[in-house]
Amino acid sequence: MSQKSPQSKTDTTLLYHCFDGAAGRLLIAVGDNGLASVIIGEDDEELVAGLISEHPKAQCAPMNAEQQREHAATAEAIEAMSHGQAANITLPMALPGTEFQQAVWQALCRIPRGQTISYKALADAVGRPRAIRAAASACGANPLALIVPCHRVIASDGGMGGYKWGVAHKVELLRREQLD
């Protein structure tokens, strides 16, 4: 995962594009520092509202046709990920977050496709075995659905736990990854 220095949530402009994925509608948002958000939802209105909520100080505008072509490879890679397939993102990613969140997000990226771990195992993986709730909160703060695969974390009892973009999407993403 290539990454630029953390982006503040005060980017002046985020350009977004909504498109269909296997587990629902997807939104990608790109700012000066790279890919700022990947959001899963049911409809474009919900996606844009989520983007504005994540980046309240940014001007959010839809991509024009030329900008969509410029970011088509990123959209195609994310759409493939929604089908449970492996894909590479070449666009730099802007991942603002605390040192702990960054550690959790890096640990999430090491979970193999089609596999899951518990929130406890995630906390253990970042060297903070008692920080189970904090690890779960870091998953909830993840701005890049699918790329930072927080959907691969489940409760210790085997239940799904929560998911920022809805448990139904989490179940579908895991199902697709296990089929691939």
N, C-alpha and C. Protein backbone atom coordinates (compact mmCIF):
# COMPACT_ATOMS: atom_id res chain seq x y z
N MET A 1 0.85 -1.17 0.00
CA MET A 1 0.00 0.00 0.00
C MET A 1 0.90 1.23 0.00
N SER A 2 0.92 1.94 -1.12
CA SER A 2 1.70 3.18 -1.14
C SER A 2 0.93 4.26 -0.41
N GLN A 3 1.65 5.08 0.31
CA GLN A 3 0.97 6.06 1.14
C GLN A 3 1.78 7.34 1.20
N LYS A 4 1.10 8.45 1.07
CA LYS A 4 1.73 9.75 1.26
C LYS A 4 1.56 10.14 2.71
N SER A 5 2.15 11.25 3.07
CA SER A 5 2.00 11.72 4.44
C SER A 5 0.52 11.93 4.73
N PRO A 6 0.11 11.76 5.98
CA PRO A 6 -1.31 11.86 6.30
C PRO A 6 -1.92 13.17 5.84
N GLN A 7 -3.10 13.03 5.28
CA GLN A 7 -3.86 14.17 4.81
C GLN A 7 -4.72 14.69 5.94
N SER A 8 -4.81 15.96 6.06
CA SER A 8 -5.74 16.49 7.05
C SER A 8 -7.13 16.43 6.45
N LYS A 9 -8.11 16.52 7.28
CA LYS A 9 -9.48 16.51 6.78
C LYS A 9 -9.88 17.90 6.31
N THR A 10 -8.91 18.73 5.99
CA THR A 10 -9.19 20.08 5.54
C THR A 10 -8.80 20.29 4.09
N ASP A 11 -8.63 19.20 3.32
CA ASP A 11 -8.36 19.37 1.89
C ASP A 11 -9.37 20.35 1.33
N THR A 12 -8.92 21.22 0.44
CA THR A 12 -9.84 22.20 -0.10
C THR A 12 -10.83 21.57 -1.06
N THR A 13 -10.40 20.55 -1.84
CA THR A 13 -11.31 19.93 -2.80
C THR A 13 -11.11 18.42 -2.82
N LEU A 14 -12.21 17.71 -2.77
CA LEU A 14 -12.22 16.27 -2.99
C LEU A 14 -13.13 16.01 -4.18
N LEU A 15 -12.61 15.34 -5.18
CA LEU A 15 -13.40 14.96 -6.34
C LEU A 15 -13.85 13.52 -6.15
N TYR A 16 -15.13 13.26 -6.36
CA TYR A 16 -15.65 11.92 -6.12
C TYR A 16 -16.35 11.36 -7.35
N HIS A 17 -16.45 10.04 -7.34
CA HIS A 17 -17.12 9.31 -8.40
C HIS A 17 -17.84 8.13 -7.76
N CYS A 18 -19.10 7.94 -8.10
CA CYS A 18 -19.90 6.82 -7.59
C CYS A 18 -20.12 5.81 -8.71
N PHE A 19 -20.08 4.53 -8.36
CA PHE A 19 -20.26 3.47 -9.35
C PHE A 19 -20.71 2.20 -8.64
N ASP A 20 -21.14 1.22 -9.43
CA ASP A 20 -21.63 -0.04 -8.87
C ASP A 20 -20.48 -0.97 -8.51
N GLY A 21 -20.64 -1.65 -7.39
CA GLY A 21 -19.73 -2.71 -6.97
C GLY A 21 -20.57 -3.93 -6.62
N ALA A 22 -19.92 -5.01 -6.32
CA ALA A 22 -20.64 -6.25 -6.03
C ALA A 22 -21.47 -6.17 -4.76
N ALA A 23 -21.02 -5.38 -3.79
CA ALA A 23 -21.70 -5.33 -2.50
C ALA A 23 -22.49 -4.04 -2.33
N GLY A 24 -22.78 -3.34 -3.42
CA GLY A 24 -23.53 -2.09 -3.33
C GLY A 24 -22.88 -1.01 -4.16
N ARG A 25 -23.29 0.22 -3.93
CA ARG A 25 -22.69 1.36 -4.62
C ARG A 25 -21.37 1.70 -3.94
N LEU A 26 -20.43 2.20 -4.70
CA LEU A 26 -19.12 2.57 -4.20
C LEU A 26 -18.84 4.02 -4.55
N LEU A 27 -18.08 4.69 -3.70
CA LEU A 27 -17.63 6.04 -3.96
C LEU A 27 -16.14 6.08 -3.74
N ILE A 28 -15.42 6.69 -4.68
CA ILE A 28 -14.02 7.01 -4.46
C ILE A 28 -13.91 8.52 -4.43
N ALA A 29 -13.05 9.03 -3.57
CA ALA A 29 -12.80 10.47 -3.50
C ALA A 29 -11.30 10.69 -3.52
N VAL A 30 -10.87 11.63 -4.37
CA VAL A 30 -9.46 11.92 -4.57
C VAL A 30 -9.21 13.38 -4.25
N GLY A 31 -8.17 13.63 -3.46
CA GLY A 31 -7.74 14.99 -3.13
C GLY A 31 -6.31 15.20 -3.58
N ASP A 32 -5.74 16.30 -3.18
CA ASP A 32 -4.36 16.63 -3.56
C ASP A 32 -3.36 15.59 -3.09
N ASN A 33 -3.64 14.91 -2.00
CA ASN A 33 -2.71 13.93 -1.42
C ASN A 33 -2.99 12.50 -1.88
N GLY A 34 -3.93 12.31 -2.78
CA GLY A 34 -4.23 10.98 -3.28
C GLY A 34 -5.63 10.53 -2.92
N LEU A 35 -5.81 9.23 -2.88
CA LEU A 35 -7.11 8.64 -2.59
C LEU A 35 -7.46 8.91 -1.13
N ALA A 36 -8.55 9.63 -0.90
CA ALA A 36 -8.93 10.07 0.44
C ALA A 36 -10.04 9.22 1.05
N SER A 37 -10.93 8.69 0.23
CA SER A 37 -12.05 7.90 0.76
C SER A 37 -12.49 6.86 -0.25
N VAL A 38 -12.88 5.70 0.28
CA VAL A 38 -13.61 4.69 -0.46
C VAL A 38 -14.76 4.32 0.47
N ILE A 39 -15.98 4.51 -0.02
CA ILE A 39 -17.17 4.31 0.81
C ILE A 39 -18.10 3.33 0.12
N ILE A 40 -18.73 2.47 0.91
CA ILE A 40 -19.72 1.51 0.41
C ILE A 40 -21.09 1.95 0.92
N GLY A 41 -22.10 1.89 0.08
CA GLY A 41 -23.45 2.26 0.51
C GLY A 41 -24.50 1.74 -0.43
N GLU A 42 -25.69 2.24 -0.23
CA GLU A 42 -26.83 1.79 -1.03
C GLU A 42 -27.13 2.70 -2.21
N ASP A 43 -26.91 4.00 -2.03
CA ASP A 43 -27.21 4.93 -3.11
C ASP A 43 -26.26 6.12 -3.05
N ASP A 44 -26.23 6.87 -4.14
CA ASP A 44 -25.27 7.96 -4.27
C ASP A 44 -25.47 9.03 -3.21
N GLU A 45 -26.70 9.31 -2.86
CA GLU A 45 -26.97 10.34 -1.85
C GLU A 45 -26.35 9.95 -0.51
N GLU A 46 -26.51 8.70 -0.13
CA GLU A 46 -25.91 8.20 1.11
C GLU A 46 -24.38 8.26 1.05
N LEU A 47 -23.81 7.91 -0.10
CA LEU A 47 -22.36 7.94 -0.26
C LEU A 47 -21.80 9.35 -0.12
N VAL A 48 -22.43 10.30 -0.80
CA VAL A 48 -21.96 11.68 -0.75
C VAL A 48 -22.13 12.24 0.66
N ALA A 49 -23.22 11.91 1.32
CA ALA A 49 -23.41 12.36 2.71
C ALA A 49 -22.31 11.80 3.61
N GLY A 50 -21.92 10.55 3.38
CA GLY A 50 -20.83 9.95 4.14
C GLY A 50 -19.50 10.65 3.89
N LEU A 51 -19.26 11.01 2.64
CA LEU A 51 -18.03 11.73 2.29
C LEU A 51 -17.98 13.09 2.98
N ILE A 52 -19.09 13.81 2.93
CA ILE A 52 -19.15 15.13 3.56
C ILE A 52 -18.97 15.01 5.08
N SER A 53 -19.53 13.96 5.65
CA SER A 53 -19.39 13.73 7.09
C SER A 53 -17.93 13.45 7.46
N GLU A 54 -17.23 12.67 6.63
CA GLU A 54 -15.83 12.35 6.89
C GLU A 54 -14.91 13.54 6.67
N HIS A 55 -15.27 14.41 5.76
CA HIS A 55 -14.42 15.54 5.37
C HIS A 55 -15.23 16.83 5.39
N PRO A 56 -15.66 17.27 6.57
CA PRO A 56 -16.58 18.41 6.66
C PRO A 56 -16.00 19.74 6.18
N LYS A 57 -14.69 19.87 6.14
CA LYS A 57 -14.08 21.13 5.72
C LYS A 57 -13.72 21.16 4.24
N ALA A 58 -13.91 20.06 3.56
CA ALA A 58 -13.55 19.96 2.14
C ALA A 58 -14.71 20.38 1.25
N GLN A 59 -14.36 20.90 0.10
CA GLN A 59 -15.34 21.10 -0.96
C GLN A 59 -15.41 19.79 -1.71
N CYS A 60 -16.58 19.18 -1.77
CA CYS A 60 -16.74 17.90 -2.45
C CYS A 60 -17.49 18.14 -3.76
N ALA A 61 -16.91 17.64 -4.84
CA ALA A 61 -17.50 17.85 -6.16
C ALA A 61 -17.38 16.57 -6.97
N PRO A 62 -18.41 16.28 -7.78
CA PRO A 62 -18.32 15.08 -8.62
C PRO A 62 -17.24 15.23 -9.69
N MET A 63 -16.61 14.12 -10.02
CA MET A 63 -15.62 14.12 -11.10
C MET A 63 -16.33 14.34 -12.43
N ASN A 64 -15.68 15.08 -13.31
CA ASN A 64 -16.20 15.19 -14.67
C ASN A 64 -15.72 13.96 -15.45
N ALA A 65 -16.14 13.84 -16.70
CA ALA A 65 -15.82 12.66 -17.51
C ALA A 65 -14.32 12.47 -17.66
N GLU A 66 -13.58 13.54 -17.86
CA GLU A 66 -12.12 13.43 -18.00
C GLU A 66 -11.48 12.94 -16.70
N GLN A 67 -11.92 13.46 -15.58
CA GLN A 67 -11.39 13.03 -14.28
C GLN A 67 -11.75 11.57 -14.00
N GLN A 68 -12.95 11.15 -14.40
CA GLN A 68 -13.33 9.75 -14.24
C GLN A 68 -12.41 8.85 -15.06
N ARG A 69 -12.08 9.27 -16.28
CA ARG A 69 -11.14 8.48 -17.11
C ARG A 69 -9.76 8.43 -16.45
N GLU A 70 -9.33 9.56 -15.88
CA GLU A 70 -8.03 9.63 -15.22
C GLU A 70 -7.94 8.66 -14.04
N HIS A 71 -9.05 8.44 -13.36
CA HIS A 71 -9.07 7.58 -12.17
C HIS A 71 -9.78 6.25 -12.43
N ALA A 72 -9.95 5.91 -13.70
CA ALA A 72 -10.66 4.67 -14.05
C ALA A 72 -9.96 3.43 -13.51
N ALA A 73 -8.63 3.39 -13.55
CA ALA A 73 -7.91 2.21 -13.05
C ALA A 73 -8.16 2.01 -11.56
N THR A 74 -8.20 3.10 -10.82
CA THR A 74 -8.48 3.00 -9.38
C THR A 74 -9.90 2.48 -9.16
N ALA A 75 -10.86 3.05 -9.88
CA ALA A 75 -12.26 2.60 -9.74
C ALA A 75 -12.39 1.13 -10.12
N GLU A 76 -11.72 0.71 -11.19
CA GLU A 76 -11.79 -0.69 -11.62
C GLU A 76 -11.17 -1.61 -10.57
N ALA A 77 -10.06 -1.21 -9.98
CA ALA A 77 -9.42 -2.03 -8.94
C ALA A 77 -10.32 -2.17 -7.72
N ILE A 78 -10.95 -1.08 -7.33
CA ILE A 78 -11.83 -1.13 -6.16
C ILE A 78 -13.08 -1.95 -6.47
N GLU A 79 -13.59 -1.83 -7.67
CA GLU A 79 -14.74 -2.64 -8.07
C GLU A 79 -14.36 -4.11 -8.05
N ALA A 80 -13.16 -4.47 -8.52
CA ALA A 80 -12.70 -5.86 -8.47
C ALA A 80 -12.60 -6.35 -7.02
N MET A 81 -12.09 -5.48 -6.13
CA MET A 81 -12.02 -5.84 -4.71
C MET A 81 -13.40 -6.11 -4.15
N SER A 82 -14.41 -5.39 -4.61
CA SER A 82 -15.78 -5.61 -4.12
C SER A 82 -16.30 -6.98 -4.54
N HIS A 83 -15.69 -7.56 -5.58
CA HIS A 83 -16.04 -8.91 -6.03
C HIS A 83 -15.20 -9.97 -5.33
N GLY A 84 -14.33 -9.54 -4.40
CA GLY A 84 -13.49 -10.48 -3.67
C GLY A 84 -12.18 -10.78 -4.36
N GLN A 85 -11.86 -10.07 -5.42
CA GLN A 85 -10.65 -10.31 -6.19
C GLN A 85 -9.50 -9.46 -5.69
N ALA A 86 -8.31 -9.94 -5.93
CA ALA A 86 -7.11 -9.16 -5.60
C ALA A 86 -6.94 -8.06 -6.65
N ALA A 87 -6.49 -6.91 -6.22
CA ALA A 87 -6.25 -5.80 -7.14
C ALA A 87 -5.25 -4.85 -6.49
N ASN A 88 -4.53 -4.14 -7.31
CA ASN A 88 -3.55 -3.17 -6.82
C ASN A 88 -4.02 -1.76 -7.10
N ILE A 89 -3.81 -0.91 -6.12
CA ILE A 89 -4.10 0.52 -6.26
C ILE A 89 -2.77 1.22 -6.44
N THR A 90 -2.62 1.95 -7.53
CA THR A 90 -1.36 2.66 -7.76
C THR A 90 -1.42 4.11 -7.32
N LEU A 91 -2.62 4.63 -7.14
CA LEU A 91 -2.78 6.01 -6.69
C LEU A 91 -2.32 6.11 -5.24
N PRO A 92 -1.52 7.12 -4.87
CA PRO A 92 -1.15 7.28 -3.46
C PRO A 92 -2.40 7.40 -2.59
N MET A 93 -2.28 6.92 -1.36
CA MET A 93 -3.42 6.96 -0.44
C MET A 93 -3.14 7.91 0.71
N ALA A 94 -4.13 8.70 1.02
CA ALA A 94 -4.03 9.64 2.13
C ALA A 94 -4.76 9.02 3.31
N LEU A 95 -4.02 8.60 4.31
CA LEU A 95 -4.60 7.94 5.48
C LEU A 95 -4.33 8.76 6.73
N PRO A 96 -5.19 9.73 7.01
CA PRO A 96 -4.99 10.49 8.23
C PRO A 96 -5.36 9.62 9.43
N GLY A 97 -4.62 9.74 10.47
CA GLY A 97 -4.95 8.96 11.66
C GLY A 97 -3.84 9.02 12.69
N THR A 98 -4.18 8.56 13.86
CA THR A 98 -3.20 8.51 14.94
C THR A 98 -2.19 7.41 14.65
N GLU A 99 -1.12 7.41 15.42
CA GLU A 99 -0.12 6.35 15.26
C GLU A 99 -0.75 4.98 15.49
N PHE A 100 -1.63 4.88 16.48
CA PHE A 100 -2.29 3.60 16.75
C PHE A 100 -3.19 3.20 15.57
N GLN A 101 -3.98 4.13 15.05
CA GLN A 101 -4.83 3.81 13.90
C GLN A 101 -3.99 3.36 12.72
N GLN A 102 -2.89 4.05 12.47
CA GLN A 102 -2.01 3.66 11.36
C GLN A 102 -1.51 2.23 11.55
N ALA A 103 -1.13 1.88 12.79
CA ALA A 103 -0.65 0.53 13.07
C ALA A 103 -1.75 -0.50 12.82
N VAL A 104 -2.97 -0.19 13.25
CA VAL A 104 -4.10 -1.10 13.03
C VAL A 104 -4.36 -1.26 11.54
N TRP A 105 -4.37 -0.16 10.81
CA TRP A 105 -4.65 -0.23 9.36
C TRP A 105 -3.58 -1.03 8.63
N GLN A 106 -2.33 -0.90 9.05
CA GLN A 106 -1.27 -1.70 8.45
C GLN A 106 -1.48 -3.18 8.76
N ALA A 107 -1.87 -3.48 9.99
CA ALA A 107 -2.13 -4.88 10.37
C ALA A 107 -3.31 -5.44 9.57
N LEU A 108 -4.33 -4.64 9.34
CA LEU A 108 -5.46 -5.09 8.54
C LEU A 108 -5.03 -5.49 7.13
N CYS A 109 -4.10 -4.74 6.58
CA CYS A 109 -3.63 -5.01 5.22
C CYS A 109 -2.82 -6.30 5.13
N ARG A 110 -2.43 -6.85 6.26
CA ARG A 110 -1.68 -8.11 6.27
C ARG A 110 -2.60 -9.34 6.40
N ILE A 111 -3.88 -9.12 6.62
CA ILE A 111 -4.81 -10.25 6.71
C ILE A 111 -5.06 -10.77 5.30
N PRO A 112 -4.77 -12.04 5.04
CA PRO A 112 -4.97 -12.57 3.69
C PRO A 112 -6.44 -12.52 3.27
N ARG A 113 -6.63 -12.29 1.98
CA ARG A 113 -7.97 -12.29 1.41
C ARG A 113 -8.64 -13.63 1.71
N GLY A 114 -9.90 -13.59 2.08
CA GLY A 114 -10.64 -14.81 2.38
C GLY A 114 -10.49 -15.30 3.80
N GLN A 115 -9.67 -14.61 4.60
CA GLN A 115 -9.48 -15.01 5.99
C GLN A 115 -9.98 -13.90 6.91
N THR A 116 -10.25 -14.28 8.15
CA THR A 116 -10.68 -13.31 9.16
C THR A 116 -9.84 -13.49 10.42
N ILE A 117 -9.82 -12.43 11.23
CA ILE A 117 -9.23 -12.50 12.55
C ILE A 117 -10.20 -11.81 13.52
N SER A 118 -10.00 -12.03 14.80
CA SER A 118 -10.84 -11.38 15.80
C SER A 118 -10.29 -10.00 16.13
N TYR A 119 -11.14 -9.18 16.73
CA TYR A 119 -10.69 -7.87 17.20
C TYR A 119 -9.56 -8.04 18.22
N LYS A 120 -9.63 -9.09 19.04
CA LYS A 120 -8.57 -9.36 20.02
C LYS A 120 -7.26 -9.68 19.30
N ALA A 121 -7.33 -10.53 18.28
CA ALA A 121 -6.12 -10.87 17.52
C ALA A 121 -5.55 -9.62 16.83
N LEU A 122 -6.42 -8.73 16.40
CA LEU A 122 -5.96 -7.49 15.79
C LEU A 122 -5.21 -6.64 16.81
N ALA A 123 -5.77 -6.52 18.01
CA ALA A 123 -5.10 -5.76 19.07
C ALA A 123 -3.74 -6.41 19.40
N ASP A 124 -3.71 -7.72 19.45
CA ASP A 124 -2.45 -8.44 19.69
C ASP A 124 -1.44 -8.14 18.57
N ALA A 125 -1.93 -8.09 17.33
CA ALA A 125 -1.04 -7.88 16.17
C ALA A 125 -0.34 -6.53 16.20
N VAL A 126 -0.94 -5.56 16.87
CA VAL A 126 -0.30 -4.24 16.96
C VAL A 126 0.40 -4.04 18.30
N GLY A 127 0.54 -5.13 19.06
CA GLY A 127 1.27 -5.07 20.31
C GLY A 127 0.53 -4.41 21.45
N ARG A 128 -0.79 -4.33 21.35
CA ARG A 128 -1.60 -3.71 22.41
C ARG A 128 -2.76 -4.67 22.76
N PRO A 129 -2.46 -5.81 23.38
CA PRO A 129 -3.47 -6.85 23.59
C PRO A 129 -4.69 -6.42 24.39
N ARG A 130 -4.57 -5.37 25.19
CA ARG A 130 -5.73 -4.93 25.99
C ARG A 130 -6.53 -3.84 25.26
N ALA A 131 -6.10 -3.43 24.09
CA ALA A 131 -6.74 -2.34 23.35
C ALA A 131 -7.74 -2.86 22.31
N ILE A 132 -8.55 -3.82 22.72
CA ILE A 132 -9.50 -4.43 21.79
C ILE A 132 -10.51 -3.41 21.29
N ARG A 133 -11.09 -2.63 22.19
CA ARG A 133 -12.07 -1.62 21.77
C ARG A 133 -11.42 -0.54 20.92
N ALA A 134 -10.20 -0.16 21.25
CA ALA A 134 -9.49 0.85 20.46
C ALA A 134 -9.20 0.31 19.05
N ALA A 135 -8.88 -0.98 18.95
CA ALA A 135 -8.66 -1.58 17.63
C ALA A 135 -9.95 -1.58 16.83
N ALA A 136 -11.06 -1.89 17.49
CA ALA A 136 -12.36 -1.86 16.82
C ALA A 136 -12.70 -0.43 16.38
N SER A 137 -12.39 0.54 17.22
CA SER A 137 -12.63 1.95 16.85
C SER A 137 -11.77 2.37 15.66
N ALA A 138 -10.54 1.88 15.61
CA ALA A 138 -9.68 2.19 14.46
C ALA A 138 -10.27 1.60 13.18
N CYS A 139 -10.86 0.42 13.29
CA CYS A 139 -11.54 -0.16 12.12
C CYS A 139 -12.68 0.77 11.68
N GLY A 140 -13.43 1.28 12.65
CA GLY A 140 -14.54 2.17 12.33
C GLY A 140 -14.11 3.51 11.76
N ALA A 141 -12.87 3.90 12.01
CA ALA A 141 -12.35 5.17 11.49
C ALA A 141 -11.68 5.00 10.13
N ASN A 142 -11.59 3.80 9.64
CA ASN A 142 -10.94 3.51 8.37
C ASN A 142 -11.63 4.26 7.22
N PRO A 143 -10.89 5.11 6.50
CA PRO A 143 -11.51 5.87 5.41
C PRO A 143 -11.50 5.14 4.06
N LEU A 144 -10.84 3.98 3.98
CA LEU A 144 -10.66 3.32 2.69
C LEU A 144 -11.22 1.91 2.70
N ALA A 145 -12.54 1.80 2.54
CA ALA A 145 -13.18 0.49 2.48
C ALA A 145 -12.50 -0.36 1.41
N LEU A 146 -12.45 -1.64 1.63
CA LEU A 146 -11.89 -2.64 0.73
C LEU A 146 -10.36 -2.59 0.67
N ILE A 147 -9.77 -1.42 0.54
CA ILE A 147 -8.32 -1.31 0.45
C ILE A 147 -7.68 -1.63 1.79
N VAL A 148 -8.21 -1.03 2.85
CA VAL A 148 -7.83 -1.37 4.22
C VAL A 148 -8.97 -2.28 4.69
N PRO A 149 -8.76 -3.59 4.65
CA PRO A 149 -9.86 -4.55 4.75
C PRO A 149 -10.37 -4.81 6.17
N CYS A 150 -10.99 -3.80 6.76
CA CYS A 150 -11.53 -3.96 8.11
C CYS A 150 -12.70 -4.94 8.14
N HIS A 151 -13.26 -5.26 6.96
CA HIS A 151 -14.34 -6.25 6.92
C HIS A 151 -13.84 -7.64 7.30
N ARG A 152 -12.54 -7.85 7.37
CA ARG A 152 -11.97 -9.16 7.71
C ARG A 152 -11.82 -9.38 9.21
N VAL A 153 -12.34 -8.45 10.02
CA VAL A 153 -12.24 -8.58 11.47
C VAL A 153 -13.62 -8.92 12.02
N ILE A 154 -13.66 -9.98 12.82
CA ILE A 154 -14.92 -10.45 13.39
C ILE A 154 -14.79 -10.55 14.92
N ALA A 155 -15.91 -10.78 15.57
CA ALA A 155 -15.92 -10.94 17.02
C ALA A 155 -15.28 -12.27 17.42
N SER A 156 -14.77 -12.34 18.63
CA SER A 156 -14.11 -13.56 19.12
C SER A 156 -15.04 -14.77 19.13
N ASP A 157 -16.36 -14.52 19.27
CA ASP A 157 -17.31 -15.63 19.28
C ASP A 157 -17.72 -16.07 17.88
N GLY A 158 -17.09 -15.50 16.86
CA GLY A 158 -17.40 -15.86 15.47
C GLY A 158 -18.48 -15.01 14.84
N GLY A 159 -19.11 -14.14 15.65
CA GLY A 159 -20.11 -13.23 15.09
C GLY A 159 -19.46 -12.16 14.24
N MET A 160 -20.25 -11.50 13.45
CA MET A 160 -19.73 -10.50 12.52
C MET A 160 -19.18 -9.26 13.21
N GLY A 161 -19.68 -8.92 14.38
CA GLY A 161 -19.29 -7.64 14.98
C GLY A 161 -19.92 -6.52 14.17
N GLY A 162 -19.35 -5.35 14.21
CA GLY A 162 -19.91 -4.23 13.46
C GLY A 162 -19.18 -4.02 12.15
N TYR A 163 -19.63 -3.04 11.39
CA TYR A 163 -18.97 -2.65 10.15
C TYR A 163 -19.46 -1.26 9.79
N LYS A 164 -18.53 -0.37 9.60
CA LYS A 164 -18.84 1.04 9.32
C LYS A 164 -19.85 1.18 8.19
N TRP A 165 -19.78 0.33 7.21
CA TRP A 165 -20.64 0.45 6.04
C TRP A 165 -21.78 -0.55 6.04
N GLY A 166 -22.07 -1.16 7.18
CA GLY A 166 -23.20 -2.07 7.33
C GLY A 166 -22.77 -3.53 7.34
N VAL A 167 -23.31 -4.28 8.28
CA VAL A 167 -22.95 -5.69 8.44
C VAL A 167 -23.32 -6.50 7.20
N ALA A 168 -24.43 -6.17 6.53
CA ALA A 168 -24.81 -6.91 5.32
C ALA A 168 -23.71 -6.80 4.25
N HIS A 169 -23.11 -5.63 4.12
CA HIS A 169 -22.01 -5.47 3.17
C HIS A 169 -20.80 -6.30 3.60
N LYS A 170 -20.53 -6.33 4.91
CA LYS A 170 -19.40 -7.10 5.44
C LYS A 170 -19.58 -8.58 5.11
N VAL A 171 -20.77 -9.10 5.37
CA VAL A 171 -21.06 -10.51 5.10
C VAL A 171 -20.86 -10.81 3.62
N GLU A 172 -21.36 -9.94 2.76
CA GLU A 172 -21.24 -10.17 1.32
C GLU A 172 -19.79 -10.10 0.86
N LEU A 173 -19.03 -9.15 1.37
CA LEU A 173 -17.61 -9.05 1.00
C LEU A 173 -16.84 -10.30 1.41
N LEU A 174 -17.08 -10.76 2.63
CA LEU A 174 -16.40 -11.98 3.09
C LEU A 174 -16.80 -13.19 2.26
N ARG A 175 -18.07 -13.28 1.93
CA ARG A 175 -18.56 -14.40 1.11
C ARG A 175 -17.86 -14.40 -0.25
N ARG A 176 -17.77 -13.25 -0.87
CA ARG A 176 -17.14 -13.14 -2.19
C ARG A 176 -15.65 -13.46 -2.12
N GLU A 177 -14.97 -13.00 -1.07
CA GLU A 177 -13.54 -13.30 -0.94
C GLU A 177 -13.30 -14.79 -0.78
N GLN A 178 -14.19 -15.49 -0.09
CA GLN A 178 -14.01 -16.92 0.13
C GLN A 178 -14.32 -17.71 -1.12
N LEU A 179 -15.09 -17.15 -2.03
CA LEU A 179 -15.40 -17.82 -3.30
C LEU A 179 -14.25 -17.71 -4.29
N ASP A 180 -13.52 -16.63 -4.22
CA ASP A 180 -12.47 -16.35 -5.20
C ASP A 180 -11.29 -17.28 -5.04
